Amino acid sequence: MSNATMRMKVQRVRKELRRGFGFPLLLALVLTAMSSLTWADPVTWQQLSESERQLLQRFENRWNEFTPEQQARLRQGAERWTSMTPEQRQRARQEFGKWQRLTPEQREKLRDAYRRFKALPLEQRQKIREARQRFRQLSPERQRRLRERWQNMTPEQRQRFRARRQRKESSD
């Protein structure tokens, strides 16, 4: 998906948020925005399942104005939402709440980091995922101390730390 297409989708989501549409719908849009989809023919509102109509009810009056691509995204997002456990839904709500509280600059910084991450070789991404998992298994206090230590490092100290880690990993 091109950056221009993604920006248009983000703008559309922001517009819907300003209109006061609910979280399930927004989550449906966000969760499917980056997935590769095969687009179907247009579907009428009456052809939707009861659960789809319930989740997407705010779009009822405009449903026929959506492209088949938009309809498919909304339907897949609704399907994903309904397949989530209550715990997964709660976590999604919490994470989305964190996202909403970010400034536009913070969001862009995260998007840039995500793009850089996706550009890394698969092996390197896997190492990062494993390191993140190890970090998450630490106690909250230990995580806090490590974050503070990292934040208090100068750029030069951080660079030396990274270089040592790379040397250590290459010798393993």
Protein backbone atom coordinates (compact mmCIF):
# COMPACT_ATOMS: atom_id res chain seq x y z
CA MET A 1 0.00 0.00 0.00
CA SER A 2 1.50 3.35 -1.01
CA ASN A 3 2.16 6.11 1.49
CA ALA A 4 -0.38 8.33 -0.28
CA THR A 5 -3.05 5.65 -0.01
CA MET A 6 -2.23 5.12 3.67
CA ARG A 7 -2.42 8.87 4.34
CA MET A 8 -5.83 9.03 2.66
CA LYS A 9 -7.05 6.15 4.81
CA VAL A 10 -5.72 7.80 7.97
CA GLN A 11 -7.43 11.06 7.01
CA ARG A 12 -10.68 9.17 6.43
CA VAL A 13 -10.40 7.54 9.85
CA ARG A 14 -9.71 10.90 11.49
CA LYS A 15 -12.78 12.35 9.76
CA GLU A 16 -14.92 9.50 11.03
CA LEU A 17 -13.53 10.00 14.54
CA ARG A 18 -14.49 13.66 14.45
CA ARG A 19 -18.00 12.58 13.55
CA GLY A 20 -18.05 10.46 16.70
CA PHE A 21 -18.02 6.94 15.28
CA GLY A 22 -17.38 4.15 17.71
CA PHE A 23 -14.22 2.32 18.53
CA PRO A 24 -15.19 -1.01 16.93
CA LEU A 25 -15.52 0.63 13.57
CA LEU A 26 -12.27 2.50 13.90
CA LEU A 27 -10.49 -0.63 15.02
CA ALA A 28 -11.93 -2.44 12.01
CA LEU A 29 -10.46 0.20 9.73
CA VAL A 30 -7.08 0.27 11.42
CA LEU A 31 -6.69 -3.49 11.67
CA THR A 32 -7.42 -4.01 8.01
CA ALA A 33 -5.66 -0.96 6.59
CA MET A 34 -2.35 -2.78 6.33
CA SER A 35 -3.56 -6.24 5.42
CA SER A 36 -3.54 -7.50 1.89
CA LEU A 37 -7.08 -8.10 0.80
CA THR A 38 -8.82 -9.50 -2.20
CA TRP A 39 -11.67 -7.22 -3.08
CA ALA A 40 -15.12 -8.57 -3.74
CA ASP A 41 -18.08 -7.17 -5.60
CA PRO A 42 -20.13 -4.49 -3.82
CA VAL A 43 -22.45 -5.81 -1.14
CA THR A 44 -25.78 -4.28 -0.22
CA TRP A 45 -26.50 -3.41 3.39
CA GLN A 46 -29.12 -6.17 3.54
CA GLN A 47 -26.54 -8.74 2.46
CA LEU A 48 -24.45 -8.09 5.56
CA SER A 49 -24.83 -10.43 8.51
CA GLU A 50 -26.67 -9.18 11.58
CA SER A 51 -23.39 -8.84 13.51
CA GLU A 52 -21.79 -6.90 10.64
CA ARG A 53 -24.75 -4.53 10.46
CA GLN A 54 -24.61 -4.04 14.21
CA LEU A 55 -20.88 -3.19 14.22
CA LEU A 56 -21.08 -1.06 11.10
CA GLN A 57 -24.45 0.59 11.79
CA ARG A 58 -23.07 4.12 11.63
CA PHE A 59 -22.29 3.55 7.96
CA GLU A 60 -25.72 2.29 6.99
CA ASN A 61 -26.83 5.48 5.23
CA ARG A 62 -23.60 5.71 3.25
CA TRP A 63 -22.88 2.02 2.71
CA ASN A 64 -23.66 2.12 -1.02
CA GLU A 65 -21.29 5.08 -1.46
CA PHE A 66 -18.30 2.99 -0.40
CA THR A 67 -16.13 1.31 -2.98
CA PRO A 68 -16.00 -2.51 -2.91
CA GLU A 69 -12.50 -2.13 -1.43
CA GLN A 70 -13.79 0.00 1.44
CA GLN A 71 -16.70 -2.35 2.07
CA ALA A 72 -14.38 -5.35 2.13
CA ARG A 73 -12.05 -3.63 4.59
CA LEU A 74 -14.91 -2.73 6.89
CA ARG A 75 -16.34 -6.24 6.74
CA GLN A 76 -12.99 -7.88 7.44
CA GLY A 77 -12.36 -5.52 10.33
CA ALA A 78 -15.78 -6.32 11.76
CA GLU A 79 -15.07 -10.03 11.38
CA ARG A 80 -11.74 -9.69 13.13
CA TRP A 81 -13.34 -7.70 15.95
CA THR A 82 -16.02 -10.34 16.52
CA SER A 83 -13.42 -13.12 16.52
CA MET A 84 -11.48 -11.46 19.35
CA THR A 85 -11.83 -12.65 22.91
CA PRO A 86 -13.10 -10.13 25.47
CA GLU A 87 -9.52 -9.82 26.74
CA GLN A 88 -8.21 -9.09 23.25
CA ARG A 89 -10.91 -6.48 22.72
CA GLN A 90 -10.06 -4.84 26.03
CA ARG A 91 -6.37 -4.76 25.14
CA ALA A 92 -7.21 -3.33 21.70
CA ARG A 93 -9.30 -0.60 23.35
CA GLN A 94 -6.46 0.21 25.74
CA GLU A 95 -3.87 0.32 22.98
CA PHE A 96 -6.10 2.46 20.81
CA GLY A 97 -6.65 4.81 23.75
CA LYS A 98 -2.89 5.20 24.04
CA TRP A 99 -2.70 5.93 20.31
CA GLN A 100 -5.42 8.57 20.55
CA ARG A 101 -3.55 10.37 23.34
CA LEU A 102 -0.41 10.71 21.22
CA THR A 103 0.35 13.97 19.47
CA PRO A 104 0.50 13.96 15.67
CA GLU A 105 4.29 14.23 15.94
CA GLN A 106 4.47 11.20 18.24
CA ARG A 107 2.26 9.22 15.88
CA GLU A 108 4.43 10.11 12.91
CA LYS A 109 7.53 9.13 14.85
CA LEU A 110 5.97 5.73 15.58
CA ARG A 111 4.95 5.30 11.93
CA ASP A 112 8.52 6.07 10.86
CA ALA A 113 9.90 3.56 13.36
CA TYR A 114 7.45 0.95 12.06
CA ARG A 115 8.49 1.62 8.45
CA ARG A 116 12.16 1.29 9.42
CA PHE A 117 11.40 -1.93 11.29
CA LYS A 118 9.55 -3.40 8.29
CA ALA A 119 12.51 -2.50 6.06
CA LEU A 120 14.92 -4.57 8.18
CA PRO A 121 15.85 -8.10 7.13
CA LEU A 122 13.61 -10.80 8.60
CA GLU A 123 16.40 -12.15 10.83
CA GLN A 124 17.02 -8.74 12.36
CA ARG A 125 13.29 -8.16 12.96
CA GLN A 126 13.12 -11.53 14.70
CA LYS A 127 16.02 -10.60 17.00
CA ILE A 128 14.24 -7.37 17.90
CA ARG A 129 11.01 -9.25 18.65
CA GLU A 130 12.88 -11.70 20.87
CA ALA A 131 14.64 -8.89 22.75
CA ARG A 132 11.30 -7.13 23.25
CA GLN A 133 9.79 -10.34 24.57
CA ARG A 134 12.68 -10.77 27.02
CA PHE A 135 12.21 -7.16 28.15
CA ARG A 136 8.48 -7.67 28.70
CA GLN A 137 9.21 -10.67 30.92
CA LEU A 138 11.21 -8.48 33.31
CA SER A 139 9.56 -7.06 36.38
CA PRO A 140 8.03 -3.59 35.97
CA GLU A 141 10.68 -2.20 38.31
CA ARG A 142 13.52 -3.70 36.27
CA GLN A 143 11.95 -2.35 33.05
CA ARG A 144 11.70 1.11 34.62
CA ARG A 145 15.35 1.05 35.70
CA LEU A 146 16.52 -0.04 32.24
CA ARG A 147 14.44 2.67 30.57
CA GLU A 148 15.87 5.31 32.91
CA ARG A 149 19.40 4.07 32.26
CA TRP A 150 18.88 4.22 28.50
CA GLN A 151 17.29 7.67 28.65
CA ASN A 152 20.18 9.00 30.73
CA MET A 153 22.78 7.80 28.22
CA THR A 154 24.33 10.26 25.83
CA PRO A 155 24.07 9.52 22.09
CA GLU A 156 27.73 8.45 22.17
CA GLN A 157 27.11 6.03 25.07
CA ARG A 158 24.14 4.57 23.23
CA GLN A 159 26.25 4.09 20.09
CA ARG A 160 28.99 2.33 22.09
CA PHE A 161 26.34 0.12 23.72
CA ARG A 162 24.92 -0.84 20.31
CA ALA A 163 28.40 -1.56 18.96
CA ARG A 164 29.17 -3.85 21.92
CA ARG A 165 25.85 -5.68 21.43
CA GLN A 166 26.59 -6.19 17.73
CA ARG A 167 30.09 -7.52 18.46
CA LYS A 168 28.67 -9.85 21.09
CA GLU A 169 25.94 -11.13 18.74
CA SER A 170 28.36 -11.71 15.90
CA SER A 171 30.68 -13.73 18.18
CA ASP A 172 27.81 -15.99 19.38
